[in-house]
Amino acid sequence: MMTFDVGDTIRSWGVFKAATHSVTAGVPSATYALTDPTTITLLVVEPDGTRTSYTYAGAAVTKHSTGVFYKDVPLTLAGEYVLRWVGTGAAAATTEVVVRAMSTRTG
């Protein structure tokens, strides 16, 4: 788990790939290519339980390149944040990461 300070803004990345499968001389293999999903959603669950969904269609998620998307997420509360990317359709996939924001104290 990665740890940050409350007040930091992190960039969360969603990367989506589609597989092409083949069999050559009886040996299966797969290649993966960056592919845009039909829909893209980032669900952010904050330490207090607040759940916010961001979508590419709603212009809240930014496309970096084919199959690569990001969202800048401010860490305003101390505790654990769950960041869950979901793609559907051509590159259906789900990935989740948990990050922790800690209060910093001086003096």
PDB file of N, CA and C in Angstrom:
ATOM      1  N   MET A   1       0.836  -1.170   0.000  1.00  0.00           N
ATOM      2  CA  MET A   1       0.000   0.000   0.000  1.00  0.00           C
ATOM      3  C   MET A   1       0.889   1.245   0.000  1.00  0.00           C
ATOM      4  N   MET A   2       0.511   2.207  -0.801  1.00  0.00           N
ATOM      5  CA  MET A   2       1.257   3.455  -0.856  1.00  0.00           C
ATOM      6  C   MET A   2       0.662   4.441   0.148  1.00  0.00           C
ATOM      7  N   THR A   3       1.525   5.242   0.752  1.00  0.00           N
ATOM      8  CA  THR A   3       1.096   6.210   1.750  1.00  0.00           C
ATOM      9  C   THR A   3       1.457   7.619   1.303  1.00  0.00           C
ATOM     10  N   PHE A   4       0.514   8.532   1.477  1.00  0.00           N
ATOM     11  CA  PHE A   4       0.677   9.926   1.105  1.00  0.00           C
ATOM     12  C   PHE A   4       0.261  10.799   2.280  1.00  0.00           C
ATOM     13  N   ASP A   5       0.426  12.093   2.141  1.00  0.00           N
ATOM     14  CA  ASP A   5      -0.016  13.037   3.159  1.00  0.00           C
ATOM     15  C   ASP A   5      -1.409  13.557   2.815  1.00  0.00           C
ATOM     16  N   VAL A   6      -2.211  13.807   3.837  1.00  0.00           N
ATOM     17  CA  VAL A   6      -3.483  14.486   3.614  1.00  0.00           C
ATOM     18  C   VAL A   6      -3.159  15.820   2.946  1.00  0.00           C
ATOM     19  N   GLY A   7      -3.919  16.159   1.924  1.00  0.00           N
ATOM     20  CA  GLY A   7      -3.667  17.387   1.162  1.00  0.00           C
ATOM     21  C   GLY A   7      -2.974  17.120  -0.163  1.00  0.00           C
ATOM     22  N   ASP A   8      -2.347  15.927  -0.304  1.00  0.00           N
ATOM     23  CA  ASP A   8      -1.729  15.572  -1.582  1.00  0.00           C
ATOM     24  C   ASP A   8      -2.814  15.276  -2.617  1.00  0.00           C
ATOM     25  N   THR A   9      -2.464  15.440  -3.875  1.00  0.00           N
ATOM     26  CA  THR A   9      -3.302  14.997  -4.985  1.00  0.00           C
ATOM     27  C   THR A   9      -2.516  13.940  -5.727  1.00  0.00           C
ATOM     28  N   ILE A  10      -3.135  12.779  -5.933  1.00  0.00           N
ATOM     29  CA  ILE A  10      -2.452  11.695  -6.639  1.00  0.00           C
ATOM     30  C   ILE A  10      -3.083  11.504  -8.013  1.00  0.00           C
ATOM     31  N   ARG A  11      -2.310  10.975  -8.928  1.00  0.00           N
ATOM     32  CA  ARG A  11      -2.829  10.660 -10.259  1.00  0.00           C
ATOM     33  C   ARG A  11      -3.048   9.154 -10.325  1.00  0.00           C
ATOM     34  N   SER A  12      -4.291   8.765 -10.491  1.00  0.00           N
ATOM     35  CA  SER A  12      -4.647   7.355 -10.615  1.00  0.00           C
ATOM     36  C   SER A  12      -4.763   7.011 -12.100  1.00  0.00           C
ATOM     37  N   TRP A  13      -4.129   5.902 -12.500  1.00  0.00           N
ATOM     38  CA  TRP A  13      -4.092   5.491 -13.897  1.00  0.00           C
ATOM     39  C   TRP A  13      -4.934   4.240 -14.108  1.00  0.00           C
ATOM     40  N   GLY A  14      -5.719   4.229 -15.160  1.00  0.00           N
ATOM     41  CA  GLY A  14      -6.441   3.039 -15.607  1.00  0.00           C
ATOM     42  C   GLY A  14      -5.878   2.634 -16.952  1.00  0.00           C
ATOM     43  N   VAL A  15      -5.336   1.420 -17.036  1.00  0.00           N
ATOM     44  CA  VAL A  15      -4.734   0.927 -18.277  1.00  0.00           C
ATOM     45  C   VAL A  15      -5.496  -0.324 -18.701  1.00  0.00           C
ATOM     46  N   PHE A  16      -5.979  -0.337 -19.943  1.00  0.00           N
ATOM     47  CA  PHE A  16      -6.825  -1.418 -20.439  1.00  0.00           C
ATOM     48  C   PHE A  16      -6.217  -2.045 -21.687  1.00  0.00           C
ATOM     49  N   LYS A  17      -6.162  -3.384 -21.688  1.00  0.00           N
ATOM     50  CA  LYS A  17      -5.624  -4.128 -22.818  1.00  0.00           C
ATOM     51  C   LYS A  17      -6.584  -5.239 -23.208  1.00  0.00           C
ATOM     52  N   ALA A  18      -6.609  -5.555 -24.495  1.00  0.00           N
ATOM     53  CA  ALA A  18      -7.403  -6.672 -24.998  1.00  0.00           C
ATOM     54  C   ALA A  18      -6.446  -7.751 -25.484  1.00  0.00           C
ATOM     55  N   ALA A  19      -6.832  -8.988 -25.256  1.00  0.00           N
ATOM     56  CA  ALA A  19      -5.986 -10.119 -25.640  1.00  0.00           C
ATOM     57  C   ALA A  19      -6.430 -10.696 -26.983  1.00  0.00           C
ATOM     58  N   THR A  20      -5.446 -11.109 -27.756  1.00  0.00           N
ATOM     59  CA  THR A  20      -5.682 -11.880 -28.969  1.00  0.00           C
ATOM     60  C   THR A  20      -5.011 -13.225 -28.754  1.00  0.00           C
ATOM     61  N   HIS A  21      -5.799 -14.286 -28.842  1.00  0.00           N
ATOM     62  CA  HIS A  21      -5.285 -15.632 -28.586  1.00  0.00           C
ATOM     63  C   HIS A  21      -5.053 -16.363 -29.897  1.00  0.00           C
ATOM     64  N   SER A  22      -4.019 -17.187 -29.907  1.00  0.00           N
ATOM     65  CA  SER A  22      -3.737 -18.005 -31.084  1.00  0.00           C
ATOM     66  C   SER A  22      -3.108 -19.316 -30.640  1.00  0.00           C
ATOM     67  N   VAL A  23      -3.132 -20.276 -31.558  1.00  0.00           N
ATOM     68  CA  VAL A  23      -2.485 -21.568 -31.318  1.00  0.00           C
ATOM     69  C   VAL A  23      -1.631 -21.861 -32.540  1.00  0.00           C
ATOM     70  N   THR A  24      -0.324 -22.050 -32.295  1.00  0.00           N
ATOM     71  CA  THR A  24       0.607 -22.361 -33.372  1.00  0.00           C
ATOM     72  C   THR A  24       1.290 -23.675 -33.033  1.00  0.00           C
ATOM     73  N   ALA A  25       1.175 -24.622 -33.916  1.00  0.00           N
ATOM     74  CA  ALA A  25       1.761 -25.956 -33.711  1.00  0.00           C
ATOM     75  C   ALA A  25       1.333 -26.540 -32.358  1.00  0.00           C
ATOM     76  N   GLY A  26       0.061 -26.303 -32.008  1.00  0.00           N
ATOM     77  CA  GLY A  26      -0.465 -26.849 -30.775  1.00  0.00           C
ATOM     78  C   GLY A  26      -0.111 -26.085 -29.516  1.00  0.00           C
ATOM     79  N   VAL A  27       0.605 -24.986 -29.648  1.00  0.00           N
ATOM     80  CA  VAL A  27       1.017 -24.207 -28.482  1.00  0.00           C
ATOM     81  C   VAL A  27       0.192 -22.919 -28.420  1.00  0.00           C
ATOM     82  N   PRO A  28      -0.588 -22.755 -27.357  1.00  0.00           N
ATOM     83  CA  PRO A  28      -1.393 -21.532 -27.254  1.00  0.00           C
ATOM     84  C   PRO A  28      -0.538 -20.338 -26.839  1.00  0.00           C
ATOM     85  N   SER A  29      -0.931 -19.176 -27.319  1.00  0.00           N
ATOM     86  CA  SER A  29      -0.243 -17.946 -26.914  1.00  0.00           C
ATOM     87  C   SER A  29      -1.237 -16.792 -26.963  1.00  0.00           C
ATOM     88  N   ALA A  30      -0.834 -15.688 -26.381  1.00  0.00           N
ATOM     89  CA  ALA A  30      -1.683 -14.504 -26.386  1.00  0.00           C
ATOM     90  C   ALA A  30      -0.814 -13.270 -26.532  1.00  0.00           C
ATOM     91  N   THR A  31      -1.355 -12.297 -27.216  1.00  0.00           N
ATOM     92  CA  THR A  31      -0.723 -10.985 -27.286  1.00  0.00           C
ATOM     93  C   THR A  31      -1.734  -9.978 -26.745  1.00  0.00           C
ATOM     94  N   TYR A  32      -1.223  -8.898 -26.188  1.00  0.00           N
ATOM     95  CA  TYR A  32      -2.081  -7.897 -25.564  1.00  0.00           C
ATOM     96  C   TYR A  32      -1.796  -6.539 -26.177  1.00  0.00           C
ATOM     97  N   ALA A  33      -2.874  -5.828 -26.512  1.00  0.00           N
ATOM     98  CA  ALA A  33      -2.730  -4.498 -27.096  1.00  0.00           C
ATOM     99  C   ALA A  33      -3.595  -3.506 -26.324  1.00  0.00           C
ATOM    100  N   LEU A  34      -3.056  -2.323 -26.099  1.00  0.00           N
ATOM    101  CA  LEU A  34      -3.839  -1.273 -25.458  1.00  0.00           C
ATOM    102  C   LEU A  34      -5.110  -1.034 -26.268  1.00  0.00           C
ATOM    103  N   THR A  35      -6.237  -1.016 -25.570  1.00  0.00           N
ATOM    104  CA  THR A  35      -7.538  -0.917 -26.225  1.00  0.00           C
ATOM    105  C   THR A  35      -8.467  -0.058 -25.375  1.00  0.00           C
ATOM    106  N   ASP A  36      -9.262   0.789 -26.022  1.00  0.00           N
ATOM    107  CA  ASP A  36     -10.243   1.574 -25.291  1.00  0.00           C
ATOM    108  C   ASP A  36     -11.451   0.710 -24.940  1.00  0.00           C
ATOM    109  N   PRO A  37     -11.834   0.676 -23.671  1.00  0.00           N
ATOM    110  CA  PRO A  37     -13.073   0.003 -23.296  1.00  0.00           C
ATOM    111  C   PRO A  37     -14.283   0.767 -23.857  1.00  0.00           C
ATOM    112  N   THR A  38     -15.434   0.113 -23.864  1.00  0.00           N
ATOM    113  CA  THR A  38     -16.662   0.774 -24.301  1.00  0.00           C
ATOM    114  C   THR A  38     -17.054   1.847 -23.291  1.00  0.00           C
ATOM    115  N   THR A  39     -16.981   1.517 -21.993  1.00  0.00           N
ATOM    116  CA  THR A  39     -17.213   2.503 -20.941  1.00  0.00           C
ATOM    117  C   THR A  39     -16.072   2.427 -19.942  1.00  0.00           C
ATOM    118  N   ILE A  40     -15.767   3.556 -19.331  1.00  0.00           N
ATOM    119  CA  ILE A  40     -14.685   3.637 -18.346  1.00  0.00           C
ATOM    120  C   ILE A  40     -15.216   4.381 -17.126  1.00  0.00           C
ATOM    121  N   THR A  41     -15.036   3.757 -15.960  1.00  0.00           N
ATOM    122  CA  THR A  41     -15.470   4.358 -14.705  1.00  0.00           C
ATOM    123  C   THR A  41     -14.378   4.204 -13.668  1.00  0.00           C
ATOM    124  N   LEU A  42     -14.158   5.257 -12.892  1.00  0.00           N
ATOM    125  CA  LEU A  42     -13.296   5.186 -11.726  1.00  0.00           C
ATOM    126  C   LEU A  42     -14.177   5.430 -10.512  1.00  0.00           C
ATOM    127  N   LEU A  43     -14.220   4.449  -9.607  1.00  0.00           N
ATOM    128  CA  LEU A  43     -14.947   4.595  -8.353  1.00  0.00           C
ATOM    129  C   LEU A  43     -13.935   4.908  -7.262  1.00  0.00           C
ATOM    130  N   VAL A  44     -14.157   6.007  -6.534  1.00  0.00           N
ATOM    131  CA  VAL A  44     -13.297   6.391  -5.420  1.00  0.00           C
ATOM    132  C   VAL A  44     -14.118   6.274  -4.144  1.00  0.00           C
ATOM    133  N   VAL A  45     -13.630   5.449  -3.219  1.00  0.00           N
ATOM    134  CA  VAL A  45     -14.261   5.328  -1.905  1.00  0.00           C
ATOM    135  C   VAL A  45     -13.322   5.992  -0.904  1.00  0.00           C
ATOM    136  N   GLU A  46     -13.799   7.049  -0.255  1.00  0.00           N
ATOM    137  CA  GLU A  46     -12.989   7.809   0.695  1.00  0.00           C
ATOM    138  C   GLU A  46     -13.033   7.162   2.084  1.00  0.00           C
ATOM    139  N   PRO A  47     -12.128   7.545   2.971  1.00  0.00           N
ATOM    140  CA  PRO A  47     -12.076   6.947   4.303  1.00  0.00           C
ATOM    141  C   PRO A  47     -13.388   7.035   5.092  1.00  0.00           C
ATOM    142  N   ASP A  48     -14.202   8.068   4.821  1.00  0.00           N
ATOM    143  CA  ASP A  48     -15.474   8.213   5.543  1.00  0.00           C
ATOM    144  C   ASP A  48     -16.619   7.451   4.880  1.00  0.00           C
ATOM    145  N   GLY A  49     -16.300   6.690   3.825  1.00  0.00           N
ATOM    146  CA  GLY A  49     -17.317   5.895   3.129  1.00  0.00           C
ATOM    147  C   GLY A  49     -17.949   6.585   1.943  1.00  0.00           C
ATOM    148  N   THR A  50     -17.645   7.851   1.718  1.00  0.00           N
ATOM    149  CA  THR A  50     -18.181   8.562   0.559  1.00  0.00           C
ATOM    150  C   THR A  50     -17.714   7.877  -0.716  1.00  0.00           C
ATOM    151  N   ARG A  51     -18.673   7.585  -1.613  1.00  0.00           N
ATOM    152  CA  ARG A  51     -18.375   6.915  -2.879  1.00  0.00           C
ATOM    153  C   ARG A  51     -18.683   7.873  -4.028  1.00  0.00           C
ATOM    154  N   THR A  52     -17.684   8.085  -4.893  1.00  0.00           N
ATOM    155  CA  THR A  52     -17.863   8.968  -6.040  1.00  0.00           C
ATOM    156  C   THR A  52     -17.408   8.236  -7.297  1.00  0.00           C
ATOM    157  N   SER A  53     -18.270   8.243  -8.320  1.00  0.00           N
ATOM    158  CA  SER A  53     -17.928   7.631  -9.605  1.00  0.00           C
ATOM    159  C   SER A  53     -17.584   8.717 -10.612  1.00  0.00           C
ATOM    160  N   TYR A  54     -16.498   8.500 -11.331  1.00  0.00           N
ATOM    161  CA  TYR A  54     -16.074   9.404 -12.387  1.00  0.00           C
ATOM    162  C   TYR A  54     -16.056   8.611 -13.688  1.00  0.00           C
ATOM    163  N   THR A  55     -16.507   9.234 -14.788  1.00  0.00           N
ATOM    164  CA  THR A  55     -16.525   8.528 -16.066  1.00  0.00           C
ATOM    165  C   THR A  55     -15.797   9.330 -17.140  1.00  0.00           C
ATOM    166  N   TYR A  56     -15.332   8.590 -18.136  1.00  0.00           N
ATOM    167  CA  TYR A  56     -14.728   9.248 -19.289  1.00  0.00           C
ATOM    168  C   TYR A  56     -15.819   9.979 -20.075  1.00  0.00           C
ATOM    169  N   ALA A  57     -16.979   9.346 -20.203  1.00  0.00           N
ATOM    170  CA  ALA A  57     -18.090   9.972 -20.938  1.00  0.00           C
ATOM    171  C   ALA A  57     -18.525  11.274 -20.274  1.00  0.00           C
ATOM    172  N   GLY A  58     -18.395  11.368 -18.961  1.00  0.00           N
ATOM    173  CA  GLY A  58     -18.782  12.570 -18.235  1.00  0.00           C
ATOM    174  C   GLY A  58     -17.679  13.608 -18.158  1.00  0.00           C
ATOM    175  N   ALA A  59     -16.574  13.359 -18.854  1.00  0.00           N
ATOM    176  CA  ALA A  59     -15.430  14.274 -18.923  1.00  0.00           C
ATOM    177  C   ALA A  59     -14.718  14.439 -17.585  1.00  0.00           C
ATOM    178  N   ALA A  60     -14.934  13.511 -16.639  1.00  0.00           N
ATOM    179  CA  ALA A  60     -14.252  13.582 -15.348  1.00  0.00           C
ATOM    180  C   ALA A  60     -12.979  12.744 -15.343  1.00  0.00           C
ATOM    181  N   VAL A  61     -12.832  11.874 -16.335  1.00  0.00           N
ATOM    182  CA  VAL A  61     -11.637  11.053 -16.527  1.00  0.00           C
ATOM    183  C   VAL A  61     -10.982  11.513 -17.819  1.00  0.00           C
ATOM    184  N   THR A  62      -9.664  11.605 -17.825  1.00  0.00           N
ATOM    185  CA  THR A  62      -8.924  12.093 -18.988  1.00  0.00           C
ATOM    186  C   THR A  62      -8.276  10.938 -19.737  1.00  0.00           C
ATOM    187  N   LYS A  63      -8.372  10.978 -21.062  1.00  0.00           N
ATOM    188  CA  LYS A  63      -7.710   9.980 -21.911  1.00  0.00           C
ATOM    189  C   LYS A  63      -6.305  10.467 -22.221  1.00  0.00           C
ATOM    190  N   HIS A  64      -5.304   9.645 -21.866  1.00  0.00           N
ATOM    191  CA  HIS A  64      -3.902   9.958 -22.156  1.00  0.00           C
ATOM    192  C   HIS A  64      -3.548   9.471 -23.558  1.00  0.00           C
ATOM    193  N   SER A  65      -3.946   8.246 -23.876  1.00  0.00           N
ATOM    194  CA  SER A  65      -3.720   7.632 -25.180  1.00  0.00           C
ATOM    195  C   SER A  65      -4.622   6.407 -25.264  1.00  0.00           C
ATOM    196  N   THR A  66      -4.585   5.693 -26.366  1.00  0.00           N
ATOM    197  CA  THR A  66      -5.420   4.511 -26.508  1.00  0.00           C
ATOM    198  C   THR A  66      -5.217   3.568 -25.329  1.00  0.00           C
ATOM    199  N   GLY A  67      -6.312   3.268 -24.632  1.00  0.00           N
ATOM    200  CA  GLY A  67      -6.275   2.322 -23.517  1.00  0.00           C
ATOM    201  C   GLY A  67      -5.718   2.861 -22.216  1.00  0.00           C
ATOM    202  N   VAL A  68      -5.319   4.123 -22.180  1.00  0.00           N
ATOM    203  CA  VAL A  68      -4.682   4.694 -20.975  1.00  0.00           C
ATOM    204  C   VAL A  68      -5.449   5.952 -20.551  1.00  0.00           C
ATOM    205  N   PHE A  69      -5.962   5.912 -19.311  1.00  0.00           N
ATOM    206  CA  PHE A  69      -6.789   6.985 -18.783  1.00  0.00           C
ATOM    207  C   PHE A  69      -6.296   7.361 -17.394  1.00  0.00           C
ATOM    208  N   TYR A  70      -6.614   8.595 -16.949  1.00  0.00           N
ATOM    209  CA  TYR A  70      -6.202   8.983 -15.602  1.00  0.00           C
ATOM    210  C   TYR A  70      -7.196   9.947 -14.976  1.00  0.00           C
ATOM    211  N   LYS A  71      -7.087  10.056 -13.650  1.00  0.00           N
ATOM    212  CA  LYS A  71      -7.876  11.010 -12.875  1.00  0.00           C
ATOM    213  C   LYS A  71      -7.022  11.475 -11.713  1.00  0.00           C
ATOM    214  N   ASP A  72      -6.943  12.778 -11.494  1.00  0.00           N
ATOM    215  CA  ASP A  72      -6.259  13.332 -10.330  1.00  0.00           C
ATOM    216  C   ASP A  72      -7.235  13.308  -9.156  1.00  0.00           C
ATOM    217  N   VAL A  73      -6.812  12.682  -8.060  1.00  0.00           N
ATOM    218  CA  VAL A  73      -7.674  12.484  -6.901  1.00  0.00           C
ATOM    219  C   VAL A  73      -7.064  13.200  -5.690  1.00  0.00           C
ATOM    220  N   PRO A  74      -7.758  14.205  -5.147  1.00  0.00           N
ATOM    221  CA  PRO A  74      -7.261  14.873  -3.943  1.00  0.00           C
ATOM    222  C   PRO A  74      -7.525  14.015  -2.702  1.00  0.00           C
ATOM    223  N   LEU A  75      -6.536  13.929  -1.845  1.00  0.00           N
ATOM    224  CA  LEU A  75      -6.656  13.166  -0.603  1.00  0.00           C
ATOM    225  C   LEU A  75      -6.930  14.161   0.519  1.00  0.00           C
ATOM    226  N   THR A  76      -8.184  14.355   0.851  1.00  0.00           N
ATOM    227  CA  THR A  76      -8.587  15.398   1.785  1.00  0.00           C
ATOM    228  C   THR A  76      -8.814  14.889   3.204  1.00  0.00           C
ATOM    229  N   LEU A  77      -8.889  13.563   3.369  1.00  0.00           N
ATOM    230  CA  LEU A  77      -9.145  12.960   4.675  1.00  0.00           C
ATOM    231  C   LEU A  77      -8.045  11.966   5.016  1.00  0.00           C
ATOM    232  N   ALA A  78      -7.784  11.783   6.298  1.00  0.00           N
ATOM    233  CA  ALA A  78      -6.846  10.744   6.725  1.00  0.00           C
ATOM    234  C   ALA A  78      -7.539   9.386   6.643  1.00  0.00           C
ATOM    235  N   GLY A  79      -6.801   8.378   6.211  1.00  0.00           N
ATOM    236  CA  GLY A  79      -7.336   7.021   6.134  1.00  0.00           C
ATOM    237  C   GLY A  79      -7.106   6.398   4.773  1.00  0.00           C
ATOM    238  N   GLU A  80      -7.830   5.303   4.520  1.00  0.00           N
ATOM    239  CA  GLU A  80      -7.631   4.548   3.279  1.00  0.00           C
ATOM    240  C   GLU A  80      -8.641   4.945   2.201  1.00  0.00           C
ATOM    241  N   TYR A  81      -8.115   5.097   0.998  1.00  0.00           N
ATOM    242  CA  TYR A  81      -8.915   5.367  -0.191  1.00  0.00           C
ATOM    243  C   TYR A  81      -8.861   4.133  -1.081  1.00  0.00           C
ATOM    244  N   VAL A  82     -10.005   3.718  -1.605  1.00  0.00           N
ATOM    245  CA  VAL A  82     -10.061   2.627  -2.571  1.00  0.00           C
ATOM    246  C   VAL A  82     -10.327   3.256  -3.933  1.00  0.00           C
ATOM    247  N   LEU A  83      -9.463   2.943  -4.902  1.00  0.00           N
ATOM    248  CA  LEU A  83      -9.586   3.461  -6.271  1.00  0.00           C
ATOM    249  C   LEU A  83      -9.804   2.260  -7.184  1.00  0.00           C
ATOM    250  N   ARG A  84     -10.986   2.184  -7.788  1.00  0.00           N
ATOM    251  CA  ARG A  84     -11.348   1.006  -8.593  1.00  0.00           C
ATOM    252  C   ARG A  84     -11.711   1.430 -10.016  1.00  0.00           C
ATOM    253  N   TRP A  85     -10.885   1.002 -10.974  1.00  0.00           N
ATOM    254  CA  TRP A  85     -11.139   1.260 -12.389  1.00  0.00           C
ATOM    255  C   TRP A  85     -11.950   0.102 -12.973  1.00  0.00           C
ATOM    256  N   VAL A  86     -12.964   0.436 -13.773  1.00  0.00           N
ATOM    257  CA  VAL A  86     -13.791  -0.577 -14.426  1.00  0.00           C
ATOM    258  C   VAL A  86     -13.940  -0.205 -15.893  1.00  0.00           C
ATOM    259  N   GLY A  87     -13.610  -1.152 -16.764  1.00  0.00           N
ATOM    260  CA  GLY A  87     -13.821  -0.985 -18.197  1.00  0.00           C
ATOM    261  C   GLY A  87     -14.771  -2.067 -18.670  1.00  0.00           C
ATOM    262  N   THR A  88     -15.630  -1.738 -19.633  1.00  0.00           N
ATOM    263  CA  THR A  88     -16.555  -2.730 -20.183  1.00  0.00           C
ATOM    264  C   THR A  88     -16.364  -2.825 -21.690  1.00  0.00           C
ATOM    265  N   GLY A  89     -16.930  -3.863 -22.274  1.00  0.00           N
ATOM    266  CA  GLY A  89     -16.917  -4.008 -23.729  1.00  0.00           C
ATOM    267  C   GLY A  89     -15.615  -4.557 -24.261  1.00  0.00           C
ATOM    268  N   ALA A  90     -15.024  -3.834 -25.203  1.00  0.00           N
ATOM    269  CA  ALA A  90     -13.848  -4.318 -25.937  1.00  0.00           C
ATOM    270  C   ALA A  90     -12.651  -4.624 -25.052  1.00  0.00           C
ATOM    271  N   ALA A  91     -12.534  -3.955 -23.928  1.00  0.00           N
ATOM    272  CA  ALA A  91     -11.415  -4.194 -23.001  1.00  0.00           C
ATOM    273  C   ALA A  91     -11.977  -4.267 -21.588  1.00  0.00           C
ATOM    274  N   ALA A  92     -12.826  -5.259 -21.358  1.00  0.00           N
ATOM    275  CA  ALA A  92     -13.466  -5.409 -20.055  1.00  0.00           C
ATOM    276  C   ALA A  92     -12.423  -5.818 -19.019  1.00  0.00           C
ATOM    277  N   ALA A  93     -12.320  -5.019 -17.969  1.00  0.00           N
ATOM    278  CA  ALA A  93     -11.348  -5.303 -16.910  1.00  0.00           C
ATOM    279  C   ALA A  93     -11.679  -4.469 -15.685  1.00  0.00           C
ATOM    280  N   THR A  94     -11.208  -4.954 -14.549  1.00  0.00           N
ATOM    281  CA  THR A  94     -11.352  -4.226 -13.298  1.00  0.00           C
ATOM    282  C   THR A  94     -10.027  -4.302 -12.557  1.00  0.00           C
ATOM    283  N   THR A  95      -9.600  -3.179 -12.015  1.00  0.00           N
ATOM    284  CA  THR A  95      -8.402  -3.163 -11.185  1.00  0.00           C
ATOM    285  C   THR A  95      -8.655  -2.237 -10.003  1.00  0.00           C
ATOM    286  N   GLU A  96      -8.043  -2.574  -8.889  1.00  0.00           N
ATOM    287  CA  GLU A  96      -8.285  -1.807  -7.668  1.00  0.00           C
ATOM    288  C   GLU A  96      -6.983  -1.597  -6.926  1.00  0.00           C
ATOM    289  N   VAL A  97      -6.842  -0.408  -6.347  1.00  0.00           N
ATOM    290  CA  VAL A  97      -5.681  -0.100  -5.528  1.00  0.00           C
ATOM    291  C   VAL A  97      -6.170   0.636  -4.281  1.00  0.00           C
ATOM    292  N   VAL A  98      -5.475   0.405  -3.186  1.00  0.00           N
ATOM    293  CA  VAL A  98      -5.785   1.095  -1.937  1.00  0.00           C
ATOM    294  C   VAL A  98      -4.580   1.951  -1.571  1.00  0.00           C
ATOM    295  N   VAL A  99      -4.835   3.221  -1.271  1.00  0.00           N
ATOM    296  CA  VAL A  99      -3.777   4.128  -0.824  1.00  0.00           C
ATOM    297  C   VAL A  99      -4.184   4.702   0.520  1.00  0.00           C
ATOM    298  N   ARG A 100      -3.208   5.104   1.286  1.00  0.00           N
ATOM    299  CA  ARG A 100      -3.462   5.667   2.616  1.00  0.00           C
ATOM    300  C   ARG A 100      -2.989   7.111   2.639  1.00  0.00           C
ATOM    301  N   ALA A 101      -3.826   7.970   3.241  1.00  0.00           N
ATOM    302  CA  ALA A 101      -3.442   9.362   3.478  1.00  0.00           C
ATOM    303  C   ALA A 101      -3.292   9.543   4.976  1.00  0.00           C
ATOM    304  N   MET A 102      -2.144  10.109   5.380  1.00  0.00           N
ATOM    305  CA  MET A 102      -1.865  10.305   6.796  1.00  0.00           C
ATOM    306  C   MET A 102      -1.753  11.781   7.100  1.00  0.00           C
ATOM    307  N   SER A 103      -2.236  12.166   8.265  1.00  0.00           N
ATOM    308  CA  SER A 103      -2.085  13.550   8.719  1.00  0.00           C
ATOM    309  C   SER A 103      -0.624  13.772   9.078  1.00  0.00           C
ATOM    310  N   THR A 104      -0.112  14.916   8.724  1.00  0.00           N
ATOM    311  CA  THR A 104       1.247  15.255   9.124  1.00  0.00           C
ATOM    312  C   THR A 104       1.161  16.249  10.265  1.00  0.00           C
ATOM    313  N   ARG A 105       2.013  16.074  11.235  1.00  0.00           N
ATOM    314  CA  ARG A 105       2.016  16.969  12.386  1.00  0.00           C
ATOM    315  C   ARG A 105       3.386  17.598  12.523  1.00  0.00           C
ATOM    316  N   THR A 106       3.384  18.848  12.827  1.00  0.00           N
ATOM    317  CA  THR A 106       4.663  19.540  13.031  1.00  0.00           C
ATOM    318  C   THR A 106       4.746  19.997  14.484  1.00  0.00           C
ATOM    319  N   GLY A 107       5.978  20.185  14.910  1.00  0.00           N
ATOM    320  CA  GLY A 107       6.193  20.730  16.235  1.00  0.00           C
ATOM    321  C   GLY A 107       6.159  19.690  17.238  1.00  0.00           C
TER     322      GLY A 107
END
